[in-house]
C-alpha cells in the first residue's frame, strides 16, 4: 500500500472511484477532477495497492471558514496558504470499505494540514457519518448551507 499525492495521470482512476462511491448528482466529474488536480493536486491523498486506487481524499485550502457549494465547482478558489483545509470527498471503493483505508487518508490529511500551519479542516457529511468523523476529532456544527446534490449535509470542523 502506498499513499501519495494526486497528478493528472491519476484522473481516470480518481473519476472511476468517485463514480463507484457517490450517486451521479453528488459525484464530481472527470472534468472537475482535472481542474482540481491542476490547481491543487498536492491536496489529494491517494491510497494505491499496486496499480489499483482503493481510496482517496481531496479538498482545497481557503481562508473562508465554511464549506460552500461554490468551492466544489471552482478549483481556482484554492489558496495554497489558506487557513482551512477543506475536504470535498472521502472515497473508498465499495469492495474495500471497513478496512481503515479512509481513516488512514484522513489521518494523513490532518497531519499535513497541521504541519502546514492551518487552523484545521472542514468537511460536510450525511447525518449517518457524523459519528465516524467525530472519531477523528471533527465537531458537528449542524446542518450546512450546502445543498450539493440535493442532499442534507452536516458541517464538521476539526480545529487545531
N, C-alpha and C. Protein backbone atom coordinates (compact mmCIF):
# COMPACT_ATOMS: atom_id res chain seq x y z
N UNK A 1 0.84 -1.18 0.00
CA UNK A 1 0.00 0.00 0.00
C UNK A 1 0.88 1.24 0.00
N UNK A 2 0.46 2.22 -0.77
CA UNK A 2 1.21 3.48 -0.86
C UNK A 2 0.23 4.65 -0.83
N UNK A 3 0.52 5.65 -0.01
CA UNK A 3 -0.24 6.89 -0.02
C UNK A 3 0.60 7.93 -0.73
N UNK A 4 0.00 8.57 -1.74
CA UNK A 4 0.73 9.63 -2.44
C UNK A 4 -0.24 10.71 -2.88
N UNK A 5 0.33 11.81 -3.35
CA UNK A 5 -0.47 12.95 -3.83
C UNK A 5 -0.99 12.66 -5.24
N UNK A 6 -1.90 13.50 -5.70
CA UNK A 6 -2.53 13.28 -7.00
C UNK A 6 -1.88 14.05 -8.13
N UNK A 7 -1.93 13.48 -9.32
CA UNK A 7 -1.47 14.13 -10.55
C UNK A 7 -2.50 13.85 -11.64
N UNK A 8 -2.37 14.55 -12.75
CA UNK A 8 -3.31 14.34 -13.86
C UNK A 8 -3.29 12.90 -14.37
N UNK A 9 -2.18 12.20 -14.21
CA UNK A 9 -2.14 10.81 -14.68
C UNK A 9 -3.08 9.91 -13.86
N UNK A 10 -3.52 10.40 -12.71
CA UNK A 10 -4.44 9.64 -11.85
C UNK A 10 -5.91 9.92 -12.17
N UNK A 11 -6.17 10.81 -13.09
CA UNK A 11 -7.53 11.29 -13.35
C UNK A 11 -8.54 10.17 -13.60
N UNK A 12 -8.22 9.25 -14.47
CA UNK A 12 -9.18 8.19 -14.81
C UNK A 12 -9.51 7.34 -13.59
N UNK A 13 -8.51 6.99 -12.82
CA UNK A 13 -8.73 6.16 -11.62
C UNK A 13 -9.55 6.92 -10.58
N UNK A 14 -9.25 8.19 -10.38
CA UNK A 14 -9.98 9.00 -9.40
C UNK A 14 -11.45 9.12 -9.81
N UNK A 15 -11.70 9.43 -11.07
CA UNK A 15 -13.08 9.56 -11.54
C UNK A 15 -13.85 8.25 -11.40
N UNK A 16 -13.19 7.14 -11.64
CA UNK A 16 -13.85 5.83 -11.51
C UNK A 16 -14.21 5.52 -10.05
N UNK A 17 -13.31 5.82 -9.13
CA UNK A 17 -13.60 5.60 -7.71
C UNK A 17 -14.74 6.51 -7.26
N UNK A 18 -14.71 7.76 -7.65
CA UNK A 18 -15.78 8.71 -7.30
C UNK A 18 -17.13 8.20 -7.80
N UNK A 19 -17.18 7.72 -9.04
CA UNK A 19 -18.43 7.22 -9.62
C UNK A 19 -18.95 5.99 -8.88
N UNK A 20 -18.03 5.19 -8.34
CA UNK A 20 -18.43 4.00 -7.58
C UNK A 20 -18.92 4.35 -6.17
N UNK A 21 -18.55 5.53 -5.68
CA UNK A 21 -18.85 5.91 -4.30
C UNK A 21 -20.05 6.82 -4.12
N UNK A 22 -20.38 7.61 -5.14
CA UNK A 22 -21.43 8.61 -4.99
C UNK A 22 -22.44 8.50 -6.13
N UNK A 23 -23.71 8.83 -5.85
CA UNK A 23 -24.69 8.92 -6.93
C UNK A 23 -24.29 10.05 -7.90
N UNK A 24 -24.75 9.97 -9.12
CA UNK A 24 -24.36 10.94 -10.15
C UNK A 24 -24.60 12.38 -9.72
N UNK A 25 -25.67 12.67 -8.99
CA UNK A 25 -25.98 14.04 -8.58
C UNK A 25 -24.96 14.59 -7.60
N UNK A 26 -24.25 13.71 -6.89
CA UNK A 26 -23.28 14.14 -5.89
C UNK A 26 -21.84 14.00 -6.36
N UNK A 27 -21.60 13.16 -7.36
CA UNK A 27 -20.24 12.84 -7.79
C UNK A 27 -19.63 13.97 -8.63
N UNK A 28 -18.35 14.21 -8.40
CA UNK A 28 -17.61 15.13 -9.26
C UNK A 28 -17.33 14.43 -10.59
N UNK A 29 -17.25 15.20 -11.65
CA UNK A 29 -16.98 14.65 -12.97
C UNK A 29 -15.47 14.58 -13.22
N UNK A 30 -15.09 13.85 -14.25
CA UNK A 30 -13.68 13.79 -14.63
C UNK A 30 -13.16 15.19 -14.96
N UNK A 31 -13.99 15.99 -15.61
CA UNK A 31 -13.59 17.36 -15.96
C UNK A 31 -13.33 18.19 -14.69
N UNK A 32 -14.20 18.04 -13.70
CA UNK A 32 -13.99 18.76 -12.44
C UNK A 32 -12.72 18.28 -11.74
N UNK A 33 -12.49 16.99 -11.76
CA UNK A 33 -11.27 16.47 -11.14
C UNK A 33 -10.02 16.93 -11.88
N UNK A 34 -10.10 17.07 -13.19
CA UNK A 34 -8.94 17.57 -13.95
C UNK A 34 -8.57 18.97 -13.46
N UNK A 35 -9.57 19.83 -13.30
CA UNK A 35 -9.32 21.18 -12.79
C UNK A 35 -8.75 21.16 -11.38
N UNK A 36 -9.31 20.28 -10.54
CA UNK A 36 -8.82 20.17 -9.17
C UNK A 36 -7.37 19.70 -9.14
N UNK A 37 -7.07 18.69 -9.91
CA UNK A 37 -5.69 18.17 -9.92
C UNK A 37 -4.70 19.21 -10.42
N UNK A 38 -5.11 20.01 -11.40
CA UNK A 38 -4.22 21.06 -11.91
C UNK A 38 -4.00 22.15 -10.87
N UNK A 39 -5.04 22.50 -10.12
CA UNK A 39 -4.96 23.59 -9.15
C UNK A 39 -4.37 23.16 -7.82
N UNK A 40 -4.71 21.94 -7.37
CA UNK A 40 -4.29 21.54 -6.02
C UNK A 40 -4.10 20.03 -5.89
N UNK A 41 -3.33 19.46 -6.78
CA UNK A 41 -3.02 18.02 -6.72
C UNK A 41 -2.34 17.61 -5.42
N UNK A 42 -1.64 18.54 -4.79
CA UNK A 42 -0.98 18.24 -3.51
C UNK A 42 -1.97 18.13 -2.36
N UNK A 43 -3.24 18.37 -2.64
CA UNK A 43 -4.27 18.25 -1.62
C UNK A 43 -5.22 17.10 -1.96
N UNK A 44 -4.66 16.12 -2.65
CA UNK A 44 -5.28 14.82 -2.89
C UNK A 44 -4.40 13.81 -2.16
N UNK A 45 -5.03 12.92 -1.44
CA UNK A 45 -4.31 11.83 -0.78
C UNK A 45 -4.88 10.55 -1.36
N UNK A 46 -4.04 9.81 -2.08
CA UNK A 46 -4.47 8.61 -2.81
C UNK A 46 -3.85 7.37 -2.16
N UNK A 47 -4.66 6.34 -1.95
CA UNK A 47 -4.16 5.08 -1.41
C UNK A 47 -4.19 4.04 -2.53
N UNK A 48 -3.01 3.62 -2.93
CA UNK A 48 -2.84 2.66 -4.01
C UNK A 48 -2.39 1.31 -3.46
N UNK A 49 -2.90 0.26 -4.07
CA UNK A 49 -2.38 -1.09 -3.87
C UNK A 49 -1.91 -1.53 -5.24
N UNK A 50 -0.62 -1.46 -5.47
CA UNK A 50 -0.09 -1.72 -6.80
C UNK A 50 -0.62 -0.69 -7.77
N UNK A 51 -1.29 -1.15 -8.81
CA UNK A 51 -1.84 -0.25 -9.84
C UNK A 51 -3.31 0.08 -9.60
N UNK A 52 -3.83 -0.31 -8.46
CA UNK A 52 -5.27 -0.13 -8.17
C UNK A 52 -5.47 0.95 -7.11
N UNK A 53 -6.27 1.97 -7.44
CA UNK A 53 -6.63 3.01 -6.49
C UNK A 53 -7.77 2.48 -5.63
N UNK A 54 -7.52 2.38 -4.32
CA UNK A 54 -8.52 1.85 -3.40
C UNK A 54 -9.35 2.95 -2.75
N UNK A 55 -8.69 4.10 -2.48
CA UNK A 55 -9.37 5.17 -1.75
C UNK A 55 -8.67 6.49 -2.00
N UNK A 56 -9.41 7.58 -1.83
CA UNK A 56 -8.77 8.89 -1.89
C UNK A 56 -9.58 9.91 -1.09
N UNK A 57 -8.88 10.96 -0.67
CA UNK A 57 -9.45 12.12 -0.01
C UNK A 57 -8.95 13.32 -0.79
N UNK A 58 -9.83 14.29 -1.03
CA UNK A 58 -9.39 15.51 -1.73
C UNK A 58 -10.10 16.73 -1.17
N UNK A 59 -9.47 17.87 -1.39
CA UNK A 59 -10.05 19.14 -0.99
C UNK A 59 -9.05 20.26 -1.22
N UNK A 60 -9.49 21.50 -1.05
CA UNK A 60 -8.54 22.60 -1.24
C UNK A 60 -8.45 23.46 0.00
N UNK A 61 -7.59 24.46 -0.08
CA UNK A 61 -7.37 25.37 1.05
C UNK A 61 -7.98 26.72 0.75
N UNK A 62 -8.46 27.35 1.82
CA UNK A 62 -9.11 28.65 1.69
C UNK A 62 -9.08 29.37 3.03
N UNK A 63 -9.31 30.67 2.97
CA UNK A 63 -9.48 31.42 4.21
C UNK A 63 -10.94 31.48 4.62
N UNK A 64 -11.84 31.07 3.74
CA UNK A 64 -13.26 31.04 4.08
C UNK A 64 -13.46 29.96 5.15
N UNK A 65 -14.20 30.24 6.20
CA UNK A 65 -14.32 29.27 7.29
C UNK A 65 -15.31 28.13 7.03
N UNK A 66 -16.25 28.32 6.10
CA UNK A 66 -17.28 27.32 5.86
C UNK A 66 -17.20 26.77 4.44
N UNK A 67 -17.52 25.49 4.31
CA UNK A 67 -17.51 24.84 3.00
C UNK A 67 -18.79 25.22 2.25
N UNK A 68 -18.62 25.72 1.03
CA UNK A 68 -19.76 26.14 0.22
C UNK A 68 -19.83 25.34 -1.08
N UNK A 69 -21.00 25.30 -1.68
CA UNK A 69 -21.16 24.59 -2.95
C UNK A 69 -20.28 25.17 -4.04
N UNK A 70 -20.07 26.47 -4.00
CA UNK A 70 -19.22 27.14 -4.99
C UNK A 70 -17.82 26.52 -5.04
N UNK A 71 -17.32 26.07 -3.90
CA UNK A 71 -15.97 25.51 -3.82
C UNK A 71 -15.83 24.23 -4.64
N UNK A 72 -16.88 23.41 -4.67
CA UNK A 72 -16.82 22.17 -5.43
C UNK A 72 -16.62 22.45 -6.92
N UNK A 73 -17.26 23.50 -7.38
CA UNK A 73 -17.31 23.78 -8.82
C UNK A 73 -16.15 24.62 -9.33
N UNK A 74 -15.46 25.36 -8.47
CA UNK A 74 -14.46 26.31 -8.93
C UNK A 74 -13.10 26.08 -8.27
N UNK A 75 -12.28 25.27 -8.91
CA UNK A 75 -10.97 24.93 -8.37
C UNK A 75 -10.06 26.14 -8.23
N UNK A 76 -10.34 27.21 -8.98
CA UNK A 76 -9.49 28.40 -8.91
C UNK A 76 -9.64 29.14 -7.58
N UNK A 77 -10.61 28.77 -6.77
CA UNK A 77 -10.77 29.39 -5.45
C UNK A 77 -9.74 28.89 -4.44
N UNK A 78 -9.00 27.86 -4.80
CA UNK A 78 -7.94 27.34 -3.92
C UNK A 78 -6.91 28.41 -3.62
N UNK A 79 -6.54 28.50 -2.34
CA UNK A 79 -5.47 29.40 -1.89
C UNK A 79 -4.47 28.55 -1.12
N UNK A 80 -3.31 28.36 -1.70
CA UNK A 80 -2.31 27.45 -1.12
C UNK A 80 -1.99 27.79 0.34
N UNK A 81 -2.02 29.06 0.69
CA UNK A 81 -1.71 29.45 2.06
C UNK A 81 -2.96 29.69 2.90
N UNK A 82 -4.09 29.17 2.45
CA UNK A 82 -5.35 29.37 3.17
C UNK A 82 -5.34 28.77 4.56
N UNK A 83 -6.14 29.34 5.44
CA UNK A 83 -6.19 28.93 6.84
C UNK A 83 -6.83 27.56 7.04
N UNK A 84 -7.75 27.19 6.17
CA UNK A 84 -8.53 25.96 6.35
C UNK A 84 -8.31 24.97 5.22
N UNK A 85 -8.13 23.71 5.56
CA UNK A 85 -8.11 22.62 4.58
C UNK A 85 -9.53 22.11 4.48
N UNK A 86 -10.16 22.33 3.34
CA UNK A 86 -11.49 21.79 3.09
C UNK A 86 -11.34 20.36 2.57
N UNK A 87 -12.26 19.50 2.92
CA UNK A 87 -12.29 18.14 2.40
C UNK A 87 -13.57 17.99 1.59
N UNK A 88 -13.41 17.74 0.30
CA UNK A 88 -14.57 17.62 -0.59
C UNK A 88 -15.08 16.19 -0.69
N UNK A 89 -14.17 15.23 -0.61
CA UNK A 89 -14.58 13.85 -0.77
C UNK A 89 -13.70 12.90 0.02
N UNK A 90 -14.34 11.89 0.58
CA UNK A 90 -13.67 10.77 1.23
C UNK A 90 -14.23 9.54 0.56
N UNK A 91 -13.41 8.88 -0.23
CA UNK A 91 -13.88 7.82 -1.12
C UNK A 91 -13.10 6.53 -0.92
N UNK A 92 -13.81 5.43 -0.77
CA UNK A 92 -13.21 4.10 -0.76
C UNK A 92 -14.08 3.21 -1.65
N UNK A 93 -13.45 2.48 -2.56
CA UNK A 93 -14.26 1.62 -3.42
C UNK A 93 -15.07 0.66 -2.54
N UNK A 94 -16.31 0.41 -2.92
CA UNK A 94 -17.20 -0.38 -2.05
C UNK A 94 -16.63 -1.71 -1.58
N UNK A 95 -15.91 -2.42 -2.41
CA UNK A 95 -15.37 -3.74 -2.02
C UNK A 95 -14.28 -3.64 -0.95
N UNK A 96 -13.75 -2.44 -0.73
CA UNK A 96 -12.65 -2.27 0.22
C UNK A 96 -13.03 -1.46 1.45
N UNK A 97 -14.29 -1.22 1.65
CA UNK A 97 -14.72 -0.43 2.81
C UNK A 97 -14.56 -1.22 4.10
N UNK A 98 -14.53 -0.49 5.20
CA UNK A 98 -14.43 -1.05 6.55
C UNK A 98 -13.10 -1.76 6.80
N UNK A 99 -12.05 -1.27 6.13
CA UNK A 99 -10.71 -1.81 6.33
C UNK A 99 -9.75 -0.73 6.82
N UNK A 100 -10.28 0.46 7.10
CA UNK A 100 -9.47 1.53 7.66
C UNK A 100 -8.76 2.40 6.64
N UNK A 101 -9.03 2.22 5.36
CA UNK A 101 -8.31 2.99 4.34
C UNK A 101 -8.66 4.47 4.39
N UNK A 102 -9.94 4.79 4.48
CA UNK A 102 -10.35 6.20 4.56
C UNK A 102 -9.74 6.84 5.80
N UNK A 103 -9.73 6.12 6.90
CA UNK A 103 -9.15 6.63 8.13
C UNK A 103 -7.67 6.95 8.00
N UNK A 104 -6.94 6.08 7.31
CA UNK A 104 -5.51 6.34 7.08
C UNK A 104 -5.32 7.63 6.29
N UNK A 105 -6.14 7.81 5.27
CA UNK A 105 -6.03 9.01 4.44
C UNK A 105 -6.44 10.26 5.21
N UNK A 106 -7.49 10.17 5.99
CA UNK A 106 -7.90 11.31 6.81
C UNK A 106 -6.80 11.68 7.81
N UNK A 107 -6.19 10.68 8.42
CA UNK A 107 -5.11 10.96 9.37
C UNK A 107 -3.94 11.64 8.67
N UNK A 108 -3.65 11.25 7.44
CA UNK A 108 -2.58 11.89 6.69
C UNK A 108 -2.95 13.32 6.33
N UNK A 109 -4.19 13.54 5.91
CA UNK A 109 -4.65 14.89 5.58
C UNK A 109 -4.59 15.78 6.82
N UNK A 110 -5.00 15.26 7.96
CA UNK A 110 -4.95 16.02 9.21
C UNK A 110 -3.50 16.36 9.57
N UNK A 111 -2.62 15.38 9.47
CA UNK A 111 -1.20 15.61 9.79
C UNK A 111 -0.60 16.65 8.86
N UNK A 112 -0.92 16.56 7.57
CA UNK A 112 -0.38 17.52 6.60
C UNK A 112 -0.91 18.93 6.89
N UNK A 113 -2.20 19.06 7.18
CA UNK A 113 -2.79 20.37 7.46
C UNK A 113 -2.15 20.98 8.71
N UNK A 114 -1.93 20.15 9.71
CA UNK A 114 -1.29 20.63 10.94
C UNK A 114 0.14 21.10 10.64
N UNK A 115 0.89 20.29 9.89
CA UNK A 115 2.27 20.63 9.54
C UNK A 115 2.35 21.90 8.69
N UNK A 116 1.31 22.17 7.91
CA UNK A 116 1.27 23.35 7.05
C UNK A 116 0.79 24.60 7.79
N UNK A 117 0.49 24.47 9.08
CA UNK A 117 0.10 25.61 9.89
C UNK A 117 -1.34 26.08 9.70
N UNK A 118 -2.20 25.21 9.23
CA UNK A 118 -3.60 25.58 9.04
C UNK A 118 -4.33 25.67 10.38
N UNK A 119 -5.50 26.29 10.37
CA UNK A 119 -6.34 26.35 11.57
C UNK A 119 -7.02 25.01 11.84
N UNK A 120 -7.20 24.23 10.77
CA UNK A 120 -7.86 22.94 10.89
C UNK A 120 -8.45 22.51 9.56
N UNK A 121 -9.41 21.58 9.64
CA UNK A 121 -10.06 21.03 8.46
C UNK A 121 -11.56 21.14 8.59
N UNK A 122 -12.24 21.24 7.45
CA UNK A 122 -13.70 21.31 7.41
C UNK A 122 -14.19 20.35 6.32
N UNK A 123 -15.26 19.63 6.64
CA UNK A 123 -15.89 18.77 5.65
C UNK A 123 -17.38 18.77 5.90
N UNK A 124 -18.13 18.26 4.95
CA UNK A 124 -19.56 18.03 5.15
C UNK A 124 -19.82 16.55 4.94
N UNK A 125 -20.84 16.06 5.64
CA UNK A 125 -21.19 14.65 5.51
C UNK A 125 -22.68 14.47 5.76
N UNK A 126 -23.17 13.33 5.41
CA UNK A 126 -24.56 12.98 5.70
C UNK A 126 -24.66 12.62 7.18
N UNK A 127 -25.87 12.73 7.71
CA UNK A 127 -26.08 12.53 9.15
C UNK A 127 -25.53 11.18 9.63
N UNK A 128 -25.67 10.15 8.84
CA UNK A 128 -25.23 8.81 9.25
C UNK A 128 -23.72 8.73 9.48
N UNK A 129 -22.96 9.69 8.95
CA UNK A 129 -21.50 9.65 9.09
C UNK A 129 -20.95 10.63 10.10
N UNK A 130 -21.80 11.39 10.76
CA UNK A 130 -21.34 12.36 11.76
C UNK A 130 -20.49 11.66 12.81
N UNK A 131 -20.96 10.52 13.31
CA UNK A 131 -20.22 9.79 14.35
C UNK A 131 -18.85 9.31 13.85
N UNK A 132 -18.77 8.93 12.58
CA UNK A 132 -17.49 8.45 12.02
C UNK A 132 -16.44 9.56 12.08
N UNK A 133 -16.78 10.75 11.59
CA UNK A 133 -15.81 11.84 11.56
C UNK A 133 -15.51 12.37 12.97
N UNK A 134 -16.44 12.22 13.88
CA UNK A 134 -16.19 12.62 15.27
C UNK A 134 -15.04 11.81 15.87
N UNK A 135 -14.84 10.58 15.42
CA UNK A 135 -13.74 9.75 15.92
C UNK A 135 -12.37 10.36 15.61
N UNK A 136 -12.31 11.22 14.61
CA UNK A 136 -11.06 11.87 14.22
C UNK A 136 -10.91 13.25 14.85
N UNK A 137 -11.91 13.65 15.63
CA UNK A 137 -11.86 14.95 16.29
C UNK A 137 -12.71 16.02 15.64
N UNK A 138 -13.42 15.69 14.57
CA UNK A 138 -14.31 16.66 13.93
C UNK A 138 -15.54 16.89 14.82
N UNK A 139 -15.97 18.14 14.89
CA UNK A 139 -17.13 18.52 15.69
C UNK A 139 -18.27 18.91 14.76
N UNK A 140 -19.45 18.39 15.03
CA UNK A 140 -20.63 18.69 14.23
C UNK A 140 -21.08 20.12 14.51
N UNK A 141 -21.13 20.94 13.46
CA UNK A 141 -21.59 22.32 13.59
C UNK A 141 -23.03 22.49 13.11
N UNK A 142 -23.70 21.39 12.83
CA UNK A 142 -25.10 21.45 12.40
C UNK A 142 -25.24 21.37 10.89
N UNK A 143 -26.45 21.60 10.44
CA UNK A 143 -26.76 21.49 9.02
C UNK A 143 -26.00 22.56 8.25
N UNK A 144 -25.34 22.13 7.21
CA UNK A 144 -24.54 23.01 6.36
C UNK A 144 -25.44 23.81 5.43
N UNK A 145 -24.91 24.93 4.96
CA UNK A 145 -25.60 25.69 3.92
C UNK A 145 -25.51 25.02 2.56
N UNK A 146 -24.67 23.98 2.45
CA UNK A 146 -24.52 23.26 1.19
C UNK A 146 -25.77 22.46 0.86
N UNK A 147 -26.16 22.54 -0.39
CA UNK A 147 -27.26 21.71 -0.89
C UNK A 147 -26.78 20.83 -2.03
N UNK A 148 -25.47 20.64 -2.09
CA UNK A 148 -24.83 19.85 -3.14
C UNK A 148 -25.56 18.52 -3.36
N UNK A 149 -25.96 18.26 -4.59
CA UNK A 149 -26.62 17.01 -4.94
C UNK A 149 -28.03 16.88 -4.37
N UNK A 150 -28.58 17.98 -3.83
CA UNK A 150 -29.93 17.92 -3.28
C UNK A 150 -30.01 17.13 -1.99
N UNK A 151 -28.91 17.10 -1.22
CA UNK A 151 -28.82 16.29 0.00
C UNK A 151 -28.65 17.21 1.20
N UNK A 152 -29.09 16.76 2.38
CA UNK A 152 -28.84 17.49 3.62
C UNK A 152 -27.46 17.10 4.12
N UNK A 153 -26.61 18.09 4.32
CA UNK A 153 -25.23 17.87 4.76
C UNK A 153 -25.03 18.51 6.13
N UNK A 154 -24.15 17.90 6.89
CA UNK A 154 -23.74 18.44 8.19
C UNK A 154 -22.31 18.90 8.09
N UNK A 155 -22.04 20.12 8.55
CA UNK A 155 -20.67 20.63 8.51
C UNK A 155 -19.92 20.14 9.75
N UNK A 156 -18.75 19.61 9.52
CA UNK A 156 -17.88 19.09 10.57
C UNK A 156 -16.56 19.86 10.52
N UNK A 157 -16.06 20.23 11.70
CA UNK A 157 -14.82 21.01 11.76
C UNK A 157 -13.86 20.39 12.79
N UNK A 158 -12.61 20.28 12.41
CA UNK A 158 -11.56 19.89 13.33
C UNK A 158 -10.62 21.09 13.47
N UNK A 159 -10.53 21.64 14.68
CA UNK A 159 -9.67 22.80 14.92
C UNK A 159 -8.39 22.33 15.59
N UNK A 160 -7.29 22.97 15.22
CA UNK A 160 -6.00 22.68 15.88
C UNK A 160 -5.80 23.64 17.03
